Amino acid sequence: MHNYFEDKYNQDLKKFFDQNNPWAYQSVTARMVEAIRKDFWEADEETEKKIVEEYVESVLKHGLSCSDNTCANPLMHEHVINVAVKFMSPEKIAKMKKMLKDVTKKDLKQQLKELKKLKQKIQKGFSGKQASRNMNDSIEGFKMEKMDEKKEQMTKGASQTTLPAVLFSIFIIMLLAIGFFLRSRKD
């Protein structure tokens, strides 16, 4: 964390990210916010404030990155806004919310409501008949087979192609030997 925000090793990382890929920096800050939000990291209040500030400033300056942990993550954005309202201007918060809505086509409250419904649906599960029908309708991909059967088929195929190859190689070697023998007799 210190290396990204405080430039502990004087690598000028913020400038590097701004010039080369500001959305990567935004994604890094979003990951840090998520780690704090999910209690994977017990950051102090000042650290969390700095990370949230960096994230919001990046979004406002460069637009929303829409990486795997940003656009479709209303819980993280709710956390960001709840932290940011404590120290950021209402104008910046409003601009952030508007940007989220413009990009996701839904306001944060609507996204949170839909997420809650989805979680409830998952927790309830589907009724037995519907579940089996839906599962059978949506299954696509490769059939899994036992390795023993597959190995046996591969071995049969290999032995069937190996014999002709060996015979052909012996034939070529014999032709070369005969040609060499005839040529040495002429000399």
Protein backbone atom coordinates (compact mmCIF):
# COMPACT_ATOMS: atom_id res chain seq x y z
CA MET A 1 0.00 0.00 0.00
CA HIS A 2 2.75 2.42 0.97
CA ASN A 3 4.51 1.85 -2.33
CA TYR A 4 1.45 2.80 -4.40
CA PHE A 5 0.28 5.88 -2.51
CA GLU A 6 3.23 7.21 -0.59
CA ASP A 7 5.84 6.19 -3.19
CA LYS A 8 7.96 4.63 -0.46
CA TYR A 9 10.72 3.65 -2.92
CA ASN A 10 10.61 6.85 -5.02
CA GLN A 11 9.54 5.04 -8.18
CA ASP A 12 7.04 7.71 -9.24
CA LEU A 13 4.39 5.03 -9.68
CA LYS A 14 1.46 7.43 -9.69
CA LYS A 15 2.95 9.30 -12.65
CA PHE A 16 3.75 6.02 -14.39
CA PHE A 17 0.18 4.75 -14.00
CA ASP A 18 -1.30 8.11 -15.04
CA GLN A 19 0.75 8.12 -18.23
CA ASN A 20 0.53 4.43 -19.13
CA ASN A 21 -2.59 2.88 -17.63
CA PRO A 22 -4.58 4.89 -15.10
CA TRP A 23 -7.27 2.20 -15.03
CA ALA A 24 -4.77 -0.34 -13.70
CA TYR A 25 -4.11 2.02 -10.78
CA GLN A 26 -7.87 2.38 -10.32
CA SER A 27 -8.24 -1.40 -10.28
CA VAL A 28 -5.49 -1.71 -7.66
CA THR A 29 -7.20 0.83 -5.42
CA ALA A 30 -10.55 -0.92 -5.92
CA ARG A 31 -8.98 -4.23 -4.86
CA MET A 32 -7.66 -2.57 -1.73
CA VAL A 33 -11.09 -1.10 -0.95
CA GLU A 34 -12.59 -4.59 -1.41
CA ALA A 35 -10.02 -6.13 0.91
CA ILE A 36 -10.96 -3.59 3.59
CA ARG A 37 -14.71 -3.92 2.94
CA LYS A 38 -14.59 -7.71 3.24
CA ASP A 39 -12.41 -7.53 6.38
CA PHE A 40 -9.47 -9.25 4.68
CA TRP A 41 -7.34 -6.27 5.65
CA GLU A 42 -7.65 -4.26 8.84
CA ALA A 43 -6.46 -0.91 7.53
CA ASP A 44 -6.58 2.07 9.82
CA GLU A 45 -9.08 4.84 9.11
CA GLU A 46 -6.49 7.16 7.55
CA THR A 47 -5.26 4.45 5.16
CA GLU A 48 -8.80 3.59 4.11
CA LYS A 49 -9.55 7.28 3.57
CA LYS A 50 -6.47 7.66 1.37
CA ILE A 51 -7.34 4.59 -0.73
CA VAL A 52 -10.95 5.71 -1.19
CA GLU A 53 -9.77 9.21 -2.11
CA GLU A 54 -7.33 7.82 -4.68
CA TYR A 55 -10.05 5.61 -6.17
CA VAL A 56 -12.65 8.39 -6.40
CA GLU A 57 -10.14 10.88 -7.84
CA SER A 58 -9.07 8.32 -10.43
CA VAL A 59 -12.67 7.62 -11.44
CA LEU A 60 -13.44 11.33 -11.69
CA LYS A 61 -10.31 12.06 -13.69
CA HIS A 62 -10.17 9.04 -16.03
CA GLY A 63 -13.65 7.53 -15.96
CA LEU A 64 -14.66 4.19 -14.51
CA SER A 65 -12.30 1.38 -15.53
CA CYS A 66 -14.93 -1.36 -15.50
CA SER A 67 -12.44 -4.00 -14.53
CA ASP A 68 -13.66 -7.22 -12.97
CA ASN A 69 -13.95 -5.64 -9.53
CA THR A 70 -15.41 -2.23 -10.33
CA CYS A 71 -18.44 -1.78 -12.63
CA ALA A 72 -20.41 -4.81 -11.49
CA ASN A 73 -19.62 -4.26 -7.83
CA PRO A 74 -22.30 -2.13 -6.19
CA LEU A 75 -21.26 -3.26 -2.70
CA MET A 76 -17.77 -1.85 -3.19
CA HIS A 77 -19.17 1.40 -4.58
CA GLU A 78 -21.60 1.70 -1.69
CA HIS A 79 -18.63 1.29 0.68
CA VAL A 80 -16.58 3.85 -1.25
CA ILE A 81 -19.38 6.41 -1.08
CA ASN A 82 -20.08 5.72 2.61
CA VAL A 83 -16.43 6.39 3.41
CA ALA A 84 -16.08 9.32 0.98
CA VAL A 85 -19.09 11.27 2.34
CA LYS A 86 -17.15 11.74 5.58
CA PHE A 87 -14.45 13.87 3.95
CA MET A 88 -15.23 14.64 0.29
CA SER A 89 -17.38 17.42 -1.07
CA PRO A 90 -21.01 16.62 -1.92
CA GLU A 91 -20.27 17.73 -5.49
CA LYS A 92 -17.59 15.05 -5.93
CA ILE A 93 -19.85 12.40 -4.42
CA ALA A 94 -22.70 13.44 -6.75
CA LYS A 95 -20.33 13.38 -9.74
CA MET A 96 -19.11 9.91 -8.73
CA LYS A 97 -22.69 8.62 -8.42
CA LYS A 98 -23.61 10.13 -11.79
CA MET A 99 -20.59 8.53 -13.44
CA LEU A 100 -21.55 5.15 -11.98
CA LYS A 101 -25.09 5.54 -13.25
CA ASP A 102 -23.94 6.67 -16.71
CA VAL A 103 -21.63 3.69 -17.09
CA THR A 104 -23.82 0.97 -15.56
CA LYS A 105 -27.13 2.46 -16.78
CA LYS A 106 -28.53 2.07 -13.23
CA ASP A 107 -28.19 4.10 -10.08
CA LEU A 108 -26.43 2.54 -7.13
CA LYS A 109 -29.65 1.94 -5.17
CA GLN A 110 -31.14 0.04 -8.11
CA GLN A 111 -27.99 -2.06 -8.48
CA LEU A 112 -28.03 -2.91 -4.77
CA LYS A 113 -31.73 -3.81 -4.93
CA GLU A 114 -31.13 -6.15 -7.91
CA LEU A 115 -28.16 -7.74 -6.15
CA LYS A 116 -30.29 -8.39 -3.08
CA LYS A 117 -33.00 -10.04 -5.21
CA LEU A 118 -30.40 -12.20 -6.95
CA LYS A 119 -28.94 -13.32 -3.61
CA GLN A 120 -32.42 -14.22 -2.36
CA LYS A 121 -33.12 -16.19 -5.53
CA ILE A 122 -29.86 -18.09 -5.15
CA GLN A 123 -30.56 -18.81 -1.49
CA LYS A 124 -34.06 -20.08 -2.24
CA GLY A 125 -32.91 -22.15 -5.15
CA PHE A 126 -35.23 -23.31 -7.87
CA SER A 127 -38.10 -25.79 -7.57
CA GLY A 128 -37.03 -29.35 -8.47
CA LYS A 129 -38.76 -29.60 -11.87
CA GLN A 130 -37.65 -26.17 -12.99
CA ALA A 131 -34.08 -26.71 -11.81
CA SER A 132 -33.57 -29.93 -13.75
CA ARG A 133 -35.17 -28.47 -16.87
CA ASN A 134 -33.08 -25.30 -16.68
CA MET A 135 -29.89 -27.21 -15.99
CA ASN A 136 -30.44 -29.62 -18.91
CA ASP A 137 -31.29 -26.75 -21.27
CA SER A 138 -28.15 -24.82 -20.49
CA ILE A 139 -25.50 -27.54 -20.41
CA GLU A 140 -22.93 -27.16 -23.15
CA GLY A 141 -19.35 -28.25 -23.51
CA PHE A 142 -17.34 -31.45 -23.48
CA LYS A 143 -18.34 -34.85 -22.14
CA MET A 144 -16.10 -36.11 -19.39
CA GLU A 145 -14.84 -39.66 -19.85
CA LYS A 146 -12.79 -41.99 -17.71
CA MET A 147 -9.08 -41.73 -18.44
CA ASP A 148 -8.60 -45.51 -18.57
CA GLU A 149 -10.96 -45.81 -21.56
CA LYS A 150 -9.42 -42.82 -23.26
CA LYS A 151 -5.89 -44.12 -22.65
CA GLU A 152 -6.85 -47.51 -24.13
CA GLN A 153 -8.27 -45.86 -27.25
CA MET A 154 -5.16 -43.73 -27.63
CA THR A 155 -2.89 -46.77 -27.23
CA LYS A 156 -4.85 -48.73 -29.88
CA GLY A 157 -4.64 -45.79 -32.24
CA ALA A 158 -0.93 -45.37 -31.63
CA SER A 159 -0.14 -49.05 -32.20
CA GLN A 160 -2.17 -49.05 -35.42
CA THR A 161 -0.18 -46.14 -36.82
CA THR A 162 3.22 -47.23 -35.46
CA LEU A 163 3.59 -50.50 -37.45
CA PRO A 164 3.22 -48.91 -40.91
CA ALA A 165 5.64 -46.16 -39.91
CA VAL A 166 8.25 -48.68 -38.75
CA LEU A 167 7.86 -50.78 -41.92
CA PHE A 168 8.17 -47.69 -44.11
CA SER A 169 11.32 -46.61 -42.22
CA ILE A 170 12.89 -50.08 -42.69
CA PHE A 171 12.04 -49.94 -46.41
CA ILE A 172 13.75 -46.53 -46.79
CA ILE A 173 16.83 -47.72 -44.90
CA MET A 174 17.03 -50.83 -47.11
CA LEU A 175 16.78 -48.67 -50.27
CA LEU A 176 19.55 -46.42 -48.99
CA ALA A 177 21.72 -49.43 -48.10
CA ILE A 178 21.20 -51.01 -51.54
CA GLY A 179 21.95 -47.69 -53.24
CA PHE A 180 25.11 -47.26 -51.17
CA PHE A 181 26.17 -50.85 -51.88
CA LEU A 182 25.61 -50.49 -55.67
CA ARG A 183 27.42 -47.18 -55.77
CA SER A 184 30.46 -48.57 -53.90
CA ARG A 185 30.62 -51.52 -56.34
CA LYS A 186 30.88 -49.13 -59.29
CA ASP A 187 33.85 -47.32 -57.74
